[in-house]
PDB file of all heavy atoms in Angstrom:
ATOM      1  N   ASP A   1     -45.757 -92.436 -59.663  1.00  0.00           N
ATOM      2  CA  ASP A   1     -47.121 -92.907 -59.617  1.00  0.00           C
ATOM      3  C   ASP A   1     -48.021 -92.122 -58.698  1.00  0.00           C
ATOM      4  O   ASP A   1     -49.262 -92.224 -58.777  1.00  0.00           O
ATOM      5  CB  ASP A   1     -47.166 -94.397 -59.283  1.00  0.00           C
ATOM      6  CG  ASP A   1     -46.715 -95.210 -60.428  1.00  0.00           C
ATOM      7  OD1 ASP A   1     -46.787 -94.817 -61.553  1.00  0.00           O
ATOM      8  OD2 ASP A   1     -46.217 -96.360 -60.226  1.00  0.00           O
ATOM      9  N   HIS A   2     -47.467 -91.412 -57.734  1.00  0.00           N
ATOM     10  CA  HIS A   2     -48.277 -90.678 -56.755  1.00  0.00           C
ATOM     11  C   HIS A   2     -48.241 -89.197 -56.947  1.00  0.00           C
ATOM     12  O   HIS A   2     -48.707 -88.425 -56.059  1.00  0.00           O
ATOM     13  CB  HIS A   2     -47.781 -91.024 -55.290  1.00  0.00           C
ATOM     14  CG  HIS A   2     -48.038 -92.434 -54.917  1.00  0.00           C
ATOM     15  ND1 HIS A   2     -47.196 -93.493 -55.261  1.00  0.00           N
ATOM     16  CD2 HIS A   2     -49.057 -92.997 -54.229  1.00  0.00           C
ATOM     17  CE1 HIS A   2     -47.707 -94.601 -54.772  1.00  0.00           C
ATOM     18  NE2 HIS A   2     -48.808 -94.334 -54.131  1.00  0.00           N
ATOM     19  N   LEU A   3     -47.854 -88.754 -58.103  1.00  0.00           N
ATOM     20  CA  LEU A   3     -47.948 -87.332 -58.415  1.00  0.00           C
ATOM     21  C   LEU A   3     -49.365 -86.953 -58.576  1.00  0.00           C
ATOM     22  O   LEU A   3     -50.252 -87.701 -59.042  1.00  0.00           O
ATOM     23  CB  LEU A   3     -47.247 -86.990 -59.741  1.00  0.00           C
ATOM     24  CG  LEU A   3     -45.680 -87.004 -59.744  1.00  0.00           C
ATOM     25  CD1 LEU A   3     -45.137 -86.765 -61.112  1.00  0.00           C
ATOM     26  CD2 LEU A   3     -45.175 -85.798 -58.826  1.00  0.00           C
ATOM     27  N   ASP A   4     -49.721 -85.690 -58.061  1.00  0.00           N
ATOM     28  CA  ASP A   4     -51.089 -85.236 -58.275  1.00  0.00           C
ATOM     29  C   ASP A   4     -51.358 -84.870 -59.725  1.00  0.00           C
ATOM     30  O   ASP A   4     -52.489 -84.764 -60.160  1.00  0.00           O
ATOM     31  CB  ASP A   4     -51.350 -84.054 -57.392  1.00  0.00           C
ATOM     32  CG  ASP A   4     -51.305 -84.417 -55.873  1.00  0.00           C
ATOM     33  OD1 ASP A   4     -51.584 -85.611 -55.603  1.00  0.00           O
ATOM     34  OD2 ASP A   4     -50.979 -83.543 -55.101  1.00  0.00           O
ATOM     35  N   SER A   5     -50.234 -84.580 -60.464  1.00  0.00           N
ATOM     36  CA  SER A   5     -50.398 -84.183 -61.841  1.00  0.00           C
ATOM     37  C   SER A   5     -50.227 -85.412 -62.767  1.00  0.00           C
ATOM     38  O   SER A   5     -49.528 -86.377 -62.374  1.00  0.00           O
ATOM     39  CB  SER A   5     -49.423 -83.067 -62.234  1.00  0.00           C
ATOM     40  OG  SER A   5     -49.564 -81.919 -61.422  1.00  0.00           O
ATOM     41  N   GLY A   6     -50.787 -85.317 -63.972  1.00  0.00           N
ATOM     42  CA  GLY A   6     -50.553 -86.375 -64.954  1.00  0.00           C
ATOM     43  C   GLY A   6     -49.220 -86.119 -65.642  1.00  0.00           C
ATOM     44  O   GLY A   6     -48.932 -84.974 -66.046  1.00  0.00           O
ATOM     45  N   PHE A   7     -48.487 -87.164 -65.783  1.00  0.00           N
ATOM     46  CA  PHE A   7     -47.108 -87.005 -66.430  1.00  0.00           C
ATOM     47  C   PHE A   7     -46.948 -88.228 -67.396  1.00  0.00           C
ATOM     48  O   PHE A   7     -47.298 -89.337 -67.128  1.00  0.00           O
ATOM     49  CB  PHE A   7     -46.032 -87.059 -65.437  1.00  0.00           C
ATOM     50  CG  PHE A   7     -44.655 -86.873 -66.040  1.00  0.00           C
ATOM     51  CD1 PHE A   7     -44.126 -85.635 -66.314  1.00  0.00           C
ATOM     52  CD2 PHE A   7     -43.913 -88.040 -66.365  1.00  0.00           C
ATOM     53  CE1 PHE A   7     -42.894 -85.471 -66.825  1.00  0.00           C
ATOM     54  CE2 PHE A   7     -42.603 -87.902 -66.970  1.00  0.00           C
ATOM     55  CZ  PHE A   7     -42.119 -86.629 -67.172  1.00  0.00           C
ATOM     56  N   ALA A   8     -46.423 -87.845 -68.659  1.00  0.00           N
ATOM     57  CA  ALA A   8     -46.129 -88.912 -69.612  1.00  0.00           C
ATOM     58  C   ALA A   8     -44.951 -88.513 -70.468  1.00  0.00           C
ATOM     59  O   ALA A   8     -44.753 -87.300 -70.705  1.00  0.00           O
ATOM     60  CB  ALA A   8     -47.358 -89.216 -70.465  1.00  0.00           C
ATOM     61  N   LEU A   9     -44.165 -89.464 -70.879  1.00  0.00           N
ATOM     62  CA  LEU A   9     -43.055 -89.288 -71.716  1.00  0.00           C
ATOM     63  C   LEU A   9     -43.342 -89.866 -73.081  1.00  0.00           C
ATOM     64  O   LEU A   9     -43.828 -90.971 -73.232  1.00  0.00           O
ATOM     65  CB  LEU A   9     -41.761 -89.983 -71.153  1.00  0.00           C
ATOM     66  CG  LEU A   9     -40.478 -89.802 -71.960  1.00  0.00           C
ATOM     67  CD1 LEU A   9     -40.027 -88.347 -71.971  1.00  0.00           C
ATOM     68  CD2 LEU A   9     -39.341 -90.703 -71.385  1.00  0.00           C
ATOM     69  N   HIS A  10     -43.055 -89.017 -74.159  1.00  0.00           N
ATOM     70  CA  HIS A  10     -43.447 -89.465 -75.500  1.00  0.00           C
ATOM     71  C   HIS A  10     -42.297 -89.387 -76.471  1.00  0.00           C
ATOM     72  O   HIS A  10     -41.292 -88.662 -76.164  1.00  0.00           O
ATOM     73  CB  HIS A  10     -44.550 -88.495 -76.070  1.00  0.00           C
ATOM     74  CG  HIS A  10     -45.700 -88.300 -75.137  1.00  0.00           C
ATOM     75  ND1 HIS A  10     -45.613 -87.437 -74.097  1.00  0.00           N
ATOM     76  CD2 HIS A  10     -46.955 -88.880 -75.150  1.00  0.00           C
ATOM     77  CE1 HIS A  10     -46.799 -87.518 -73.452  1.00  0.00           C
ATOM     78  NE2 HIS A  10     -47.617 -88.340 -74.070  1.00  0.00           N
ATOM     79  N   GLU A  11     -42.389 -90.117 -77.537  1.00  0.00           N
ATOM     80  CA  GLU A  11     -41.372 -90.068 -78.569  1.00  0.00           C
ATOM     81  C   GLU A  11     -42.061 -89.705 -79.918  1.00  0.00           C
ATOM     82  O   GLU A  11     -43.084 -90.394 -80.235  1.00  0.00           O
ATOM     83  CB  GLU A  11     -40.679 -91.418 -78.608  1.00  0.00           C
ATOM     84  CG  GLU A  11     -39.549 -91.507 -79.677  1.00  0.00           C
ATOM     85  CD  GLU A  11     -38.870 -92.855 -79.703  1.00  0.00           C
ATOM     86  OE1 GLU A  11     -39.492 -93.855 -80.146  1.00  0.00           O
ATOM     87  OE2 GLU A  11     -37.696 -92.921 -79.263  1.00  0.00           O
ATOM     88  N   ILE A  12     -41.431 -88.821 -80.640  1.00  0.00           N
ATOM     89  CA  ILE A  12     -42.001 -88.412 -81.939  1.00  0.00           C
ATOM     90  C   ILE A  12     -41.649 -89.529 -82.967  1.00  0.00           C
ATOM     91  O   ILE A  12     -40.561 -90.037 -82.992  1.00  0.00           O
ATOM     92  CB  ILE A  12     -41.381 -87.099 -82.396  1.00  0.00           C
ATOM     93  CG1 ILE A  12     -42.013 -85.961 -81.575  1.00  0.00           C
ATOM     94  CG2 ILE A  12     -41.604 -86.858 -83.875  1.00  0.00           C
ATOM     95  CD1 ILE A  12     -43.467 -85.680 -81.923  1.00  0.00           C
ATOM     96  N   VAL A  13     -42.598 -89.846 -83.781  1.00  0.00           N
ATOM     97  CA  VAL A  13     -42.461 -90.878 -84.835  1.00  0.00           C
ATOM     98  C   VAL A  13     -42.340 -90.092 -86.140  1.00  0.00           C
ATOM     99  O   VAL A  13     -43.194 -89.277 -86.457  1.00  0.00           O
ATOM    100  CB  VAL A  13     -43.647 -91.841 -84.911  1.00  0.00           C
ATOM    101  CG1 VAL A  13     -43.462 -92.799 -86.083  1.00  0.00           C
ATOM    102  CG2 VAL A  13     -43.797 -92.589 -83.630  1.00  0.00           C
ATOM    103  N   VAL A  14     -41.198 -90.303 -86.850  1.00  0.00           N
ATOM    104  CA  VAL A  14     -40.926 -89.607 -88.114  1.00  0.00           C
ATOM    105  C   VAL A  14     -41.174 -90.594 -89.288  1.00  0.00           C
ATOM    106  O   VAL A  14     -40.703 -91.728 -89.316  1.00  0.00           O
ATOM    107  CB  VAL A  14     -39.481 -89.085 -88.143  1.00  0.00           C
ATOM    108  CG1 VAL A  14     -39.205 -88.385 -89.458  1.00  0.00           C
ATOM    109  CG2 VAL A  14     -39.245 -88.169 -86.966  1.00  0.00           C
ATOM    110  N   GLY A  15     -41.932 -90.105 -90.263  1.00  0.00           N
ATOM    111  CA  GLY A  15     -42.197 -90.932 -91.446  1.00  0.00           C
ATOM    112  C   GLY A  15     -41.043 -91.014 -92.395  1.00  0.00           C
ATOM    113  O   GLY A  15     -39.979 -90.429 -92.234  1.00  0.00           O
ATOM    114  N   SER A  16     -41.273 -91.762 -93.503  1.00  0.00           N
ATOM    115  CA  SER A  16     -40.223 -91.927 -94.509  1.00  0.00           C
ATOM    116  C   SER A  16     -39.853 -90.630 -95.214  1.00  0.00           C
ATOM    117  O   SER A  16     -38.785 -90.483 -95.815  1.00  0.00           O
ATOM    118  CB  SER A  16     -40.710 -92.960 -95.541  1.00  0.00           C
ATOM    119  OG  SER A  16     -41.886 -92.559 -96.151  1.00  0.00           O
ATOM    120  N   ASP A  17     -40.772 -89.621 -95.182  1.00  0.00           N
ATOM    121  CA  ASP A  17     -40.524 -88.294 -95.799  1.00  0.00           C
ATOM    122  C   ASP A  17     -39.771 -87.401 -94.859  1.00  0.00           C
ATOM    123  O   ASP A  17     -39.479 -86.266 -95.211  1.00  0.00           O
ATOM    124  CB  ASP A  17     -41.808 -87.662 -96.249  1.00  0.00           C
ATOM    125  CG  ASP A  17     -42.783 -87.532 -95.105  1.00  0.00           C
ATOM    126  OD1 ASP A  17     -42.503 -87.968 -93.985  1.00  0.00           O
ATOM    127  OD2 ASP A  17     -43.881 -86.942 -95.299  1.00  0.00           O
ATOM    128  N   GLY A  18     -39.465 -87.914 -93.652  1.00  0.00           N
ATOM    129  CA  GLY A  18     -38.714 -87.107 -92.762  1.00  0.00           C
ATOM    130  C   GLY A  18     -39.548 -86.179 -91.874  1.00  0.00           C
ATOM    131  O   GLY A  18     -39.034 -85.351 -91.117  1.00  0.00           O
ATOM    132  N   MET A  19     -40.909 -86.245 -92.070  1.00  0.00           N
ATOM    133  CA  MET A  19     -41.823 -85.371 -91.362  1.00  0.00           C
ATOM    134  C   MET A  19     -42.451 -86.108 -90.218  1.00  0.00           C
ATOM    135  O   MET A  19     -42.626 -87.389 -90.301  1.00  0.00           O
ATOM    136  CB  MET A  19     -42.883 -84.851 -92.300  1.00  0.00           C
ATOM    137  CG  MET A  19     -42.371 -84.046 -93.473  1.00  0.00           C
ATOM    138  SD  MET A  19     -41.519 -82.541 -92.898  1.00  0.00           S
ATOM    139  CE  MET A  19     -42.920 -81.629 -92.220  1.00  0.00           C
ATOM    140  N   PRO A  20     -42.772 -85.470 -89.123  1.00  0.00           N
ATOM    141  CA  PRO A  20     -43.453 -86.152 -87.971  1.00  0.00           C
ATOM    142  C   PRO A  20     -44.818 -86.724 -88.406  1.00  0.00           C
ATOM    143  O   PRO A  20     -45.590 -86.034 -89.075  1.00  0.00           O
ATOM    144  CB  PRO A  20     -43.583 -85.025 -86.967  1.00  0.00           C
ATOM    145  CG  PRO A  20     -42.559 -83.987 -87.304  1.00  0.00           C
ATOM    146  CD  PRO A  20     -42.479 -84.021 -88.774  1.00  0.00           C
ATOM    147  N   SER A  21     -44.998 -87.985 -88.100  1.00  0.00           N
ATOM    148  CA  SER A  21     -46.266 -88.630 -88.430  1.00  0.00           C
ATOM    149  C   SER A  21     -47.064 -89.057 -87.209  1.00  0.00           C
ATOM    150  O   SER A  21     -48.211 -89.468 -87.378  1.00  0.00           O
ATOM    151  CB  SER A  21     -45.979 -89.900 -89.286  1.00  0.00           C
ATOM    152  OG  SER A  21     -45.193 -90.801 -88.600  1.00  0.00           O
ATOM    153  N   GLY A  22     -46.519 -88.950 -86.115  1.00  0.00           N
ATOM    154  CA  GLY A  22     -47.269 -89.311 -84.868  1.00  0.00           C
ATOM    155  C   GLY A  22     -46.334 -89.322 -83.694  1.00  0.00           C
ATOM    156  O   GLY A  22     -45.125 -88.942 -83.752  1.00  0.00           O
ATOM    157  N   TYR A  23     -46.756 -89.825 -82.585  1.00  0.00           N
ATOM    158  CA  TYR A  23     -45.937 -89.986 -81.393  1.00  0.00           C
ATOM    159  C   TYR A  23     -46.512 -91.073 -80.515  1.00  0.00           C
ATOM    160  O   TYR A  23     -47.712 -91.391 -80.621  1.00  0.00           O
ATOM    161  CB  TYR A  23     -45.822 -88.657 -80.636  1.00  0.00           C
ATOM    162  CG  TYR A  23     -47.119 -87.875 -80.389  1.00  0.00           C
ATOM    163  CD1 TYR A  23     -47.909 -88.164 -79.270  1.00  0.00           C
ATOM    164  CD2 TYR A  23     -47.527 -86.976 -81.313  1.00  0.00           C
ATOM    165  CE1 TYR A  23     -49.097 -87.468 -79.124  1.00  0.00           C
ATOM    166  CE2 TYR A  23     -48.709 -86.268 -81.122  1.00  0.00           C
ATOM    167  CZ  TYR A  23     -49.492 -86.531 -80.025  1.00  0.00           C
ATOM    168  OH  TYR A  23     -50.680 -85.825 -79.884  1.00  0.00           O
ATOM    169  N   LYS A  24     -45.702 -91.712 -79.715  1.00  0.00           N
ATOM    170  CA  LYS A  24     -46.123 -92.754 -78.886  1.00  0.00           C
ATOM    171  C   LYS A  24     -45.691 -92.533 -77.461  1.00  0.00           C
ATOM    172  O   LYS A  24     -44.720 -91.883 -77.142  1.00  0.00           O
ATOM    173  CB  LYS A  24     -45.555 -94.077 -79.380  1.00  0.00           C
ATOM    174  CG  LYS A  24     -44.086 -94.093 -79.617  1.00  0.00           C
ATOM    175  CD  LYS A  24     -43.636 -95.379 -80.309  1.00  0.00           C
ATOM    176  CE  LYS A  24     -42.161 -95.329 -80.600  1.00  0.00           C
ATOM    177  NZ  LYS A  24     -41.734 -96.488 -81.422  1.00  0.00           N
ATOM    178  N   VAL A  25     -46.418 -93.130 -76.501  1.00  0.00           N
ATOM    179  CA  VAL A  25     -46.160 -93.000 -75.113  1.00  0.00           C
ATOM    180  C   VAL A  25     -45.050 -93.995 -74.674  1.00  0.00           C
ATOM    181  O   VAL A  25     -45.194 -95.200 -74.944  1.00  0.00           O
ATOM    182  CB  VAL A  25     -47.425 -93.224 -74.282  1.00  0.00           C
ATOM    183  CG1 VAL A  25     -47.152 -93.064 -72.796  1.00  0.00           C
ATOM    184  CG2 VAL A  25     -48.477 -92.250 -74.712  1.00  0.00           C
ATOM    185  N   LEU A  26     -44.007 -93.473 -74.034  1.00  0.00           N
ATOM    186  CA  LEU A  26     -42.992 -94.351 -73.502  1.00  0.00           C
ATOM    187  C   LEU A  26     -43.278 -94.676 -72.028  1.00  0.00           C
ATOM    188  O   LEU A  26     -42.941 -95.800 -71.586  1.00  0.00           O
ATOM    189  CB  LEU A  26     -41.635 -93.697 -73.595  1.00  0.00           C
ATOM    190  CG  LEU A  26     -41.156 -93.307 -75.031  1.00  0.00           C
ATOM    191  CD1 LEU A  26     -39.725 -92.618 -74.965  1.00  0.00           C
ATOM    192  CD2 LEU A  26     -41.107 -94.468 -75.949  1.00  0.00           C
ATOM    193  N   ALA A  27     -43.851 -93.784 -71.348  1.00  0.00           N
ATOM    194  CA  ALA A  27     -44.206 -94.034 -69.899  1.00  0.00           C
ATOM    195  C   ALA A  27     -45.238 -93.025 -69.514  1.00  0.00           C
ATOM    196  O   ALA A  27     -45.342 -91.879 -70.005  1.00  0.00           O
ATOM    197  CB  ALA A  27     -42.995 -93.892 -69.009  1.00  0.00           C
ATOM    198  N   MET A  28     -46.186 -93.418 -68.629  1.00  0.00           N
ATOM    199  CA  MET A  28     -47.244 -92.605 -68.069  1.00  0.00           C
ATOM    200  C   MET A  28     -47.565 -92.972 -66.648  1.00  0.00           C
ATOM    201  O   MET A  28     -47.453 -94.190 -66.356  1.00  0.00           O
ATOM    202  CB  MET A  28     -48.472 -92.605 -68.984  1.00  0.00           C
ATOM    203  CG  MET A  28     -49.264 -93.936 -68.952  1.00  0.00           C
ATOM    204  SD  MET A  28     -50.841 -93.781 -69.737  1.00  0.00           S
ATOM    205  CE  MET A  28     -50.416 -93.616 -71.416  1.00  0.00           C
ATOM    206  N   ASN A  29     -47.956 -92.068 -65.815  1.00  0.00           N
ATOM    207  CA  ASN A  29     -48.384 -92.430 -64.516  1.00  0.00           C
ATOM    208  C   ASN A  29     -49.921 -92.683 -64.517  1.00  0.00           C
ATOM    209  O   ASN A  29     -50.674 -92.449 -65.492  1.00  0.00           O
ATOM    210  CB  ASN A  29     -47.995 -91.380 -63.468  1.00  0.00           C
ATOM    211  CG  ASN A  29     -48.618 -90.040 -63.704  1.00  0.00           C
ATOM    212  OD1 ASN A  29     -49.390 -89.818 -64.642  1.00  0.00           O
ATOM    213  ND2 ASN A  29     -48.331 -89.107 -62.779  1.00  0.00           N
ATOM    214  N   ALA A  30     -50.444 -93.135 -63.423  1.00  0.00           N
ATOM    215  CA  ALA A  30     -51.821 -93.487 -63.279  1.00  0.00           C
ATOM    216  C   ALA A  30     -52.718 -92.300 -63.442  1.00  0.00           C
ATOM    217  O   ALA A  30     -53.800 -92.358 -64.052  1.00  0.00           O
ATOM    218  CB  ALA A  30     -52.129 -94.224 -61.989  1.00  0.00           C
ATOM    219  N   VAL A  31     -52.285 -91.132 -62.923  1.00  0.00           N
ATOM    220  CA  VAL A  31     -53.089 -89.895 -63.018  1.00  0.00           C
ATOM    221  C   VAL A  31     -53.266 -89.516 -64.463  1.00  0.00           C
ATOM    222  O   VAL A  31     -54.375 -89.144 -64.906  1.00  0.00           O
ATOM    223  CB  VAL A  31     -52.426 -88.781 -62.177  1.00  0.00           C
ATOM    224  CG1 VAL A  31     -53.238 -87.508 -62.307  1.00  0.00           C
ATOM    225  CG2 VAL A  31     -52.407 -89.208 -60.696  1.00  0.00           C
ATOM    226  N   PHE A  32     -52.220 -89.600 -65.255  1.00  0.00           N
ATOM    227  CA  PHE A  32     -52.266 -89.251 -66.686  1.00  0.00           C
ATOM    228  C   PHE A  32     -53.250 -90.161 -67.388  1.00  0.00           C
ATOM    229  O   PHE A  32     -54.050 -89.708 -68.195  1.00  0.00           O
ATOM    230  CB  PHE A  32     -50.855 -89.304 -67.292  1.00  0.00           C
ATOM    231  CG  PHE A  32     -50.826 -88.791 -68.695  1.00  0.00           C
ATOM    232  CD1 PHE A  32     -50.524 -87.465 -68.964  1.00  0.00           C
ATOM    233  CD2 PHE A  32     -51.073 -89.672 -69.760  1.00  0.00           C
ATOM    234  CE1 PHE A  32     -50.405 -86.980 -70.279  1.00  0.00           C
ATOM    235  CE2 PHE A  32     -50.992 -89.215 -71.031  1.00  0.00           C
ATOM    236  CZ  PHE A  32     -50.739 -87.841 -71.307  1.00  0.00           C
ATOM    237  N   ALA A  33     -53.138 -91.447 -67.149  1.00  0.00           N
ATOM    238  CA  ALA A  33     -54.000 -92.363 -67.814  1.00  0.00           C
ATOM    239  C   ALA A  33     -55.497 -92.121 -67.471  1.00  0.00           C
ATOM    240  O   ALA A  33     -56.385 -92.174 -68.354  1.00  0.00           O
ATOM    241  CB  ALA A  33     -53.658 -93.826 -67.380  1.00  0.00           C
ATOM    242  N   GLU A  34     -55.808 -91.716 -66.241  1.00  0.00           N
ATOM    243  CA  GLU A  34     -57.158 -91.425 -65.792  1.00  0.00           C
ATOM    244  C   GLU A  34     -57.594 -90.113 -66.480  1.00  0.00           C
ATOM    245  O   GLU A  34     -58.783 -90.082 -66.968  1.00  0.00           O
ATOM    246  CB  GLU A  34     -57.208 -91.293 -64.295  1.00  0.00           C
ATOM    247  CG  GLU A  34     -58.601 -91.149 -63.729  1.00  0.00           C
ATOM    248  CD  GLU A  34     -59.063 -89.707 -63.705  1.00  0.00           C
ATOM    249  OE1 GLU A  34     -58.198 -88.772 -63.604  1.00  0.00           O
ATOM    250  OE2 GLU A  34     -60.303 -89.431 -63.909  1.00  0.00           O
ATOM    251  N   MET A  35     -56.773 -89.140 -66.579  1.00  0.00           N
ATOM    252  CA  MET A  35     -57.105 -87.899 -67.208  1.00  0.00           C
ATOM    253  C   MET A  35     -57.402 -88.090 -68.644  1.00  0.00           C
ATOM    254  O   MET A  35     -58.393 -87.502 -69.146  1.00  0.00           O
ATOM    255  CB  MET A  35     -55.943 -86.894 -67.017  1.00  0.00           C
ATOM    256  CG  MET A  35     -55.781 -86.325 -65.655  1.00  0.00           C
ATOM    257  SD  MET A  35     -54.367 -85.166 -65.600  1.00  0.00           S
ATOM    258  CE  MET A  35     -54.508 -84.573 -63.879  1.00  0.00           C
ATOM    259  N   MET A  36     -56.613 -88.915 -69.315  1.00  0.00           N
ATOM    260  CA  MET A  36     -56.788 -89.096 -70.757  1.00  0.00           C
ATOM    261  C   MET A  36     -57.825 -90.119 -71.119  1.00  0.00           C
ATOM    262  O   MET A  36     -58.217 -90.330 -72.258  1.00  0.00           O
ATOM    263  CB  MET A  36     -55.453 -89.384 -71.448  1.00  0.00           C
ATOM    264  CG  MET A  36     -54.397 -88.296 -71.231  1.00  0.00           C
ATOM    265  SD  MET A  36     -54.941 -86.657 -71.767  1.00  0.00           S
ATOM    266  CE  MET A  36     -55.319 -87.005 -73.463  1.00  0.00           C
ATOM    267  N   GLY A  37     -58.228 -90.898 -70.067  1.00  0.00           N
ATOM    268  CA  GLY A  37     -59.199 -91.958 -70.318  1.00  0.00           C
ATOM    269  C   GLY A  37     -58.659 -93.145 -71.185  1.00  0.00           C
ATOM    270  O   GLY A  37     -59.386 -93.676 -71.992  1.00  0.00           O
ATOM    271  N   VAL A  38     -57.343 -93.460 -70.917  1.00  0.00           N
ATOM    272  CA  VAL A  38     -56.727 -94.570 -71.661  1.00  0.00           C
ATOM    273  C   VAL A  38     -56.264 -95.604 -70.646  1.00  0.00           C
ATOM    274  O   VAL A  38     -56.040 -95.322 -69.460  1.00  0.00           O
ATOM    275  CB  VAL A  38     -55.577 -94.118 -72.493  1.00  0.00           C
ATOM    276  CG1 VAL A  38     -55.999 -93.158 -73.601  1.00  0.00           C
ATOM    277  CG2 VAL A  38     -54.481 -93.423 -71.678  1.00  0.00           C
ATOM    278  N   ALA A  39     -56.092 -96.848 -71.110  1.00  0.00           N
ATOM    279  CA  ALA A  39     -55.577 -97.946 -70.253  1.00  0.00           C
ATOM    280  C   ALA A  39     -54.062 -97.802 -70.153  1.00  0.00           C
ATOM    281  O   ALA A  39     -53.401 -97.602 -71.170  1.00  0.00           O
ATOM    282  CB  ALA A  39     -55.975 -99.272 -70.796  1.00  0.00           C
ATOM    283  N   ARG A  40     -53.622 -97.939 -68.905  1.00  0.00           N
ATOM    284  CA  ARG A  40     -52.143 -97.874 -68.675  1.00  0.00           C
ATOM    285  C   ARG A  40     -51.526 -99.184 -68.942  1.00  0.00           C
ATOM    286  O   ARG A  40     -52.016-100.185 -68.462  1.00  0.00           O
ATOM    287  CB  ARG A  40     -51.904 -97.366 -67.251  1.00  0.00           C
ATOM    288  CG  ARG A  40     -50.380 -97.116 -67.017  1.00  0.00           C
ATOM    289  CD  ARG A  40     -50.220 -96.759 -65.533  1.00  0.00           C
ATOM    290  NE  ARG A  40     -48.828 -96.446 -65.203  1.00  0.00           N
ATOM    291  CZ  ARG A  40     -48.319 -96.436 -64.030  1.00  0.00           C
ATOM    292  NH1 ARG A  40     -49.138 -96.679 -62.969  1.00  0.00           N
ATOM    293  NH2 ARG A  40     -47.098 -96.181 -63.815  1.00  0.00           N
ATOM    294  N   SER A  41     -50.376 -99.198 -69.714  1.00  0.00           N
ATOM    295  CA  SER A  41     -49.748-100.473 -70.075  1.00  0.00           C
ATOM    296  C   SER A  41     -48.361-100.453 -69.382  1.00  0.00           C
ATOM    297  O   SER A  41     -47.685 -99.451 -69.330  1.00  0.00           O
ATOM    298  CB  SER A  41     -49.540-100.622 -71.546  1.00  0.00           C
ATOM    299  OG  SER A  41     -48.752-101.738 -71.895  1.00  0.00           O
ATOM    300  N   PRO A  42     -47.867-101.642 -68.875  1.00  0.00           N
ATOM    301  CA  PRO A  42     -46.565-101.682 -68.291  1.00  0.00           C
ATOM    302  C   PRO A  42     -45.489-101.462 -69.339  1.00  0.00           C
ATOM    303  O   PRO A  42     -44.343-101.067 -68.957  1.00  0.00           O
ATOM    304  CB  PRO A  42     -46.472-103.078 -67.682  1.00  0.00           C
ATOM    305  CG  PRO A  42     -47.463-103.889 -68.444  1.00  0.00           C
ATOM    306  CD  PRO A  42     -48.535-102.970 -68.791  1.00  0.00           C
ATOM    307  N   LYS A  43     -45.794-101.748 -70.581  1.00  0.00           N
ATOM    308  CA  LYS A  43     -44.818-101.514 -71.604  1.00  0.00           C
ATOM    309  C   LYS A  43     -45.104-100.159 -72.320  1.00  0.00           C
ATOM    310  O   LYS A  43     -45.779 -99.308 -71.728  1.00  0.00           O
ATOM    311  CB  LYS A  43     -44.836-102.660 -72.638  1.00  0.00           C
ATOM    312  CG  LYS A  43     -44.445-104.019 -72.025  1.00  0.00           C
ATOM    313  CD  LYS A  43     -44.466-105.075 -73.017  1.00  0.00           C
ATOM    314  CE  LYS A  43     -44.071-106.436 -72.407  1.00  0.00           C
ATOM    315  NZ  LYS A  43     -44.104-107.561 -73.355  1.00  0.00           N
ATOM    316  N   ARG A  44     -44.772-100.031 -73.553  1.00  0.00           N
ATOM    317  CA  ARG A  44     -45.015 -98.803 -74.261  1.00  0.00           C
ATOM    318  C   ARG A  44     -46.501 -98.622 -74.453  1.00  0.00           C
ATOM    319  O   ARG A  44     -47.230 -99.515 -74.832  1.00  0.00           O
ATOM    320  CB  ARG A  44     -44.356 -98.782 -75.674  1.00  0.00           C
ATOM    321  CG  ARG A  44     -42.764 -98.861 -75.493  1.00  0.00           C
ATOM    322  CD  ARG A  44     -42.151 -98.592 -76.796  1.00  0.00           C
ATOM    323  NE  ARG A  44     -40.662 -98.518 -76.530  1.00  0.00           N
ATOM    324  CZ  ARG A  44     -39.869 -97.603 -77.181  1.00  0.00           C
ATOM    325  NH1 ARG A  44     -40.448 -96.751 -77.961  1.00  0.00           N
ATOM    326  NH2 ARG A  44     -38.576 -97.674 -76.904  1.00  0.00           N
TER     327      ARG A  44
END
């Protein structure tokens, strides 16, 4: 949480056709949330 850089862990979402359709955030620090302008959630 106190890194100067923004850091986030993501997981690729694969569709029924076997092709990547998106990705979701598994974890992010406060700096990353501020940089991206999104609300940080304690869960996914």
